[in-house]
C-alpha atoms as a PDB file:
ATOM      1  CA  MET A   1       6.660  10.447   4.525  1.00  0.00           C
ATOM      2  CA  GLN A   2       7.611   7.553   6.134  1.00  0.00           C
ATOM      3  CA  VAL A   3       8.177   4.648   4.114  1.00  0.00           C
ATOM      4  CA  LEU A   4       6.246   0.985   4.598  1.00  0.00           C
ATOM      5  CA  HIS A   5       8.264  -1.499   3.488  1.00  0.00           C
ATOM      6  CA  TRP A   6       7.039  -3.823   0.462  1.00  0.00           C
ATOM      7  CA  ASP A   7       6.087  -7.207   1.396  1.00  0.00           C
ATOM      8  CA  HIS A   8       8.712  -9.955  -0.480  1.00  0.00           C
ATOM      9  CA  HIS A   9       6.855 -12.978  -0.079  1.00  0.00           C
ATOM     10  CA  PHE A  10       5.763 -13.512  -3.780  1.00  0.00           C
ATOM     11  CA  GLY A  11       6.467 -16.486  -5.645  1.00  0.00           C
ATOM     12  CA  SER A  12       5.888 -15.233  -9.384  1.00  0.00           C
ATOM     13  CA  ASP A  13       6.393 -12.886 -12.105  1.00  0.00           C
ATOM     14  CA  LYS A  14       2.816 -10.875 -11.802  1.00  0.00           C
ATOM     15  CA  PRO A  15       4.818  -8.921  -8.418  1.00  0.00           C
ATOM     16  CA  ASP A  16       7.592  -8.082  -9.821  1.00  0.00           C
ATOM     17  CA  LYS A  17       5.590  -6.024 -12.503  1.00  0.00           C
ATOM     18  CA  ALA A  18       3.306  -5.076  -8.891  1.00  0.00           C
ATOM     19  CA  MET A  19       6.571  -3.865  -7.027  1.00  0.00           C
ATOM     20  CA  GLU A  20       7.737  -2.316 -10.847  1.00  0.00           C
ATOM     21  CA  LEU A  21       4.679   0.056 -10.520  1.00  0.00           C
ATOM     22  CA  PHE A  22       4.436   0.324  -6.943  1.00  0.00           C
ATOM     23  CA  GLY A  23       8.063   1.992  -7.523  1.00  0.00           C
ATOM     24  CA  SER A  24       7.027   4.029 -10.259  1.00  0.00           C
ATOM     25  CA  ALA A  25       4.267   5.438  -8.347  1.00  0.00           C
ATOM     26  CA  LEU A  26       6.538   6.065  -5.345  1.00  0.00           C
ATOM     27  CA  HIS A  27       8.248   8.351  -7.704  1.00  0.00           C
ATOM     28  CA  LYS A  28       5.834  10.162  -9.585  1.00  0.00           C
ATOM     29  CA  GLN A  29       4.108  10.837  -5.955  1.00  0.00           C
ATOM     30  CA  ILE A  30       8.049  12.119  -4.394  1.00  0.00           C
ATOM     31  CA  ASN A  31       7.841  14.011  -7.534  1.00  0.00           C
ATOM     32  CA  ASN A  32       4.404  15.970  -6.658  1.00  0.00           C
ATOM     33  CA  ASP A  33       2.505  13.536  -9.632  1.00  0.00           C
ATOM     34  CA  LEU A  34      -0.525  12.574  -7.793  1.00  0.00           C
ATOM     35  CA  ASN A  35      -2.275  11.433 -10.903  1.00  0.00           C
ATOM     36  CA  GLY A  36       0.992   9.680 -12.125  1.00  0.00           C
ATOM     37  CA  ALA A  37       1.428   7.992  -9.165  1.00  0.00           C
ATOM     38  CA  ILE A  38      -2.406   7.084  -8.149  1.00  0.00           C
ATOM     39  CA  GLY A  39      -2.632   5.747 -11.543  1.00  0.00           C
ATOM     40  CA  ASP A  40       0.392   3.609 -10.837  1.00  0.00           C
ATOM     41  CA  TYR A  41      -0.676   2.719  -7.275  1.00  0.00           C
ATOM     42  CA  LEU A  42      -4.148   1.451  -8.677  1.00  0.00           C
ATOM     43  CA  ALA A  43      -1.888  -0.677 -11.911  1.00  0.00           C
ATOM     44  CA  ALA A  44       0.169  -2.299  -8.730  1.00  0.00           C
ATOM     45  CA  ILE A  45      -3.047  -2.897  -6.999  1.00  0.00           C
ATOM     46  CA  LYS A  46      -5.092  -4.906  -9.812  1.00  0.00           C
ATOM     47  CA  ILE A  47      -2.017  -6.768  -9.795  1.00  0.00           C
ATOM     48  CA  ARG A  48      -1.680  -7.756  -6.195  1.00  0.00           C
ATOM     49  CA  ASP A  49      -4.908  -6.396  -4.287  1.00  0.00           C
ATOM     50  CA  ASN A  50      -4.317  -7.916  -0.765  1.00  0.00           C
ATOM     51  CA  ASP A  51      -1.052  -5.999   0.307  1.00  0.00           C
ATOM     52  CA  PRO A  52      -1.846  -3.269   2.472  1.00  0.00           C
ATOM     53  CA  ALA A  53       1.414  -0.414   1.298  1.00  0.00           C
ATOM     54  CA  VAL A  54       0.198  -0.149  -1.962  1.00  0.00           C
ATOM     55  CA  HIS A  55      -3.603   0.994  -0.348  1.00  0.00           C
ATOM     56  CA  TRP A  56      -1.152   2.695   2.378  1.00  0.00           C
ATOM     57  CA  TYR A  57       0.167   4.815   0.171  1.00  0.00           C
ATOM     58  CA  LEU A  58      -2.446   5.085  -2.230  1.00  0.00           C
ATOM     59  CA  GLY A  59      -4.304   6.708   0.787  1.00  0.00           C
ATOM     60  CA  THR A  60      -1.355   9.362   0.952  1.00  0.00           C
ATOM     61  CA  ALA A  61      -1.854  10.158  -2.623  1.00  0.00           C
ATOM     62  CA  TYR A  62      -5.662  10.420  -2.475  1.00  0.00           C
ATOM     63  CA  GLU A  63      -4.810  12.250   1.050  1.00  0.00           C
ATOM     64  CA  ALA A  64      -2.172  14.910  -0.639  1.00  0.00           C
ATOM     65  CA  ALA A  65      -4.741  15.190  -3.897  1.00  0.00           C
ATOM     66  CA  GLY A  66      -7.484  16.660  -1.837  1.00  0.00           C
ATOM     67  CA  LYS A  67      -9.858  13.493  -2.304  1.00  0.00           C
ATOM     68  CA  ALA A  68     -10.560  12.409   1.941  1.00  0.00           C
ATOM     69  CA  THR A  69     -13.020  10.367   0.477  1.00  0.00           C
ATOM     70  CA  GLU A  70     -11.068   7.895  -1.627  1.00  0.00           C
ATOM     71  CA  ALA A  71      -8.305   8.390   1.299  1.00  0.00           C
ATOM     72  CA  LYS A  72     -10.227   6.769   4.291  1.00  0.00           C
ATOM     73  CA  GLN A  73     -11.400   3.972   1.896  1.00  0.00           C
ATOM     74  CA  GLU A  74      -8.146   3.163   0.938  1.00  0.00           C
ATOM     75  CA  TYR A  75      -7.012   3.568   5.534  1.00  0.00           C
ATOM     76  CA  GLU A  76      -9.835   1.629   5.908  1.00  0.00           C
ATOM     77  CA  LYS A  77      -8.299  -1.883   3.821  1.00  0.00           C
ATOM     78  CA  VAL A  78      -4.995  -0.919   5.731  1.00  0.00           C
ATOM     79  CA  ARG A  79      -6.708  -1.388   8.660  1.00  0.00           C
ATOM     80  CA  GLN A  80      -8.533  -4.564   8.079  1.00  0.00           C
ATOM     81  CA  ALA A  81      -5.719  -5.911   6.861  1.00  0.00           C
ATOM     82  CA  TRP A  82      -3.669  -5.297   9.920  1.00  0.00           C
ATOM     83  CA  HIS A  83      -6.543  -6.269  11.702  1.00  0.00           C
ATOM     84  CA  TRP A  84      -6.843 -10.170   9.996  1.00  0.00           C
ATOM     85  CA  THR A  85      -3.123 -10.602  10.657  1.00  0.00           C
ATOM     86  CA  ILE A  86      -3.604  -9.323  14.120  1.00  0.00           C
ATOM     87  CA  ASN A  87      -6.358 -11.689  14.920  1.00  0.00           C
ATOM     88  CA  THR A  88      -5.209 -14.734  12.348  1.00  0.00           C
ATOM     89  CA  GLN A  89      -0.847 -15.042  14.492  1.00  0.00           C
ATOM     90  CA  GLN A  90       0.355 -15.329  17.023  1.00  0.00           C
ATOM     91  CA  VAL A  91       1.097 -12.101  18.975  1.00  0.00           C
ATOM     92  CA  SER A  92       3.363 -12.166  21.958  1.00  0.00           C
ATOM     93  CA  PRO A  93       3.872  -9.036  24.017  1.00  0.00           C
ATOM     94  CA  GLY A  94       8.255  -9.405  22.775  1.00  0.00           C
ATOM     95  CA  SER A  95       6.897  -9.895  18.869  1.00  0.00           C
ATOM     96  CA  GLY A  96       7.541  -6.584  17.896  1.00  0.00           C
ATOM     97  CA  LEU A  97       4.045  -5.873  17.100  1.00  0.00           C
ATOM     98  CA  PHE A  98       3.200  -3.345  19.748  1.00  0.00           C
END
């Protein structure tokens, strides 16, 4: 599984709980506890809905659990977040985004 990096520019104590849930979810997913992982990802999203990494990993957990519709919905959220990021930043050829 390719690991995306968690975004570290939070600013409150809530992200610490979100990070804790995210880490727990990753651990559960790696150990094939997909239902536990999905639950932790969903709990992290309740705290920090706008983090594409959590949506990405939730999509991978849904996909591994055979829930293709839910996985596609999460991947679409990641695509939309990426599209928003590209369209709201100055992107130069050497930026590393391409």
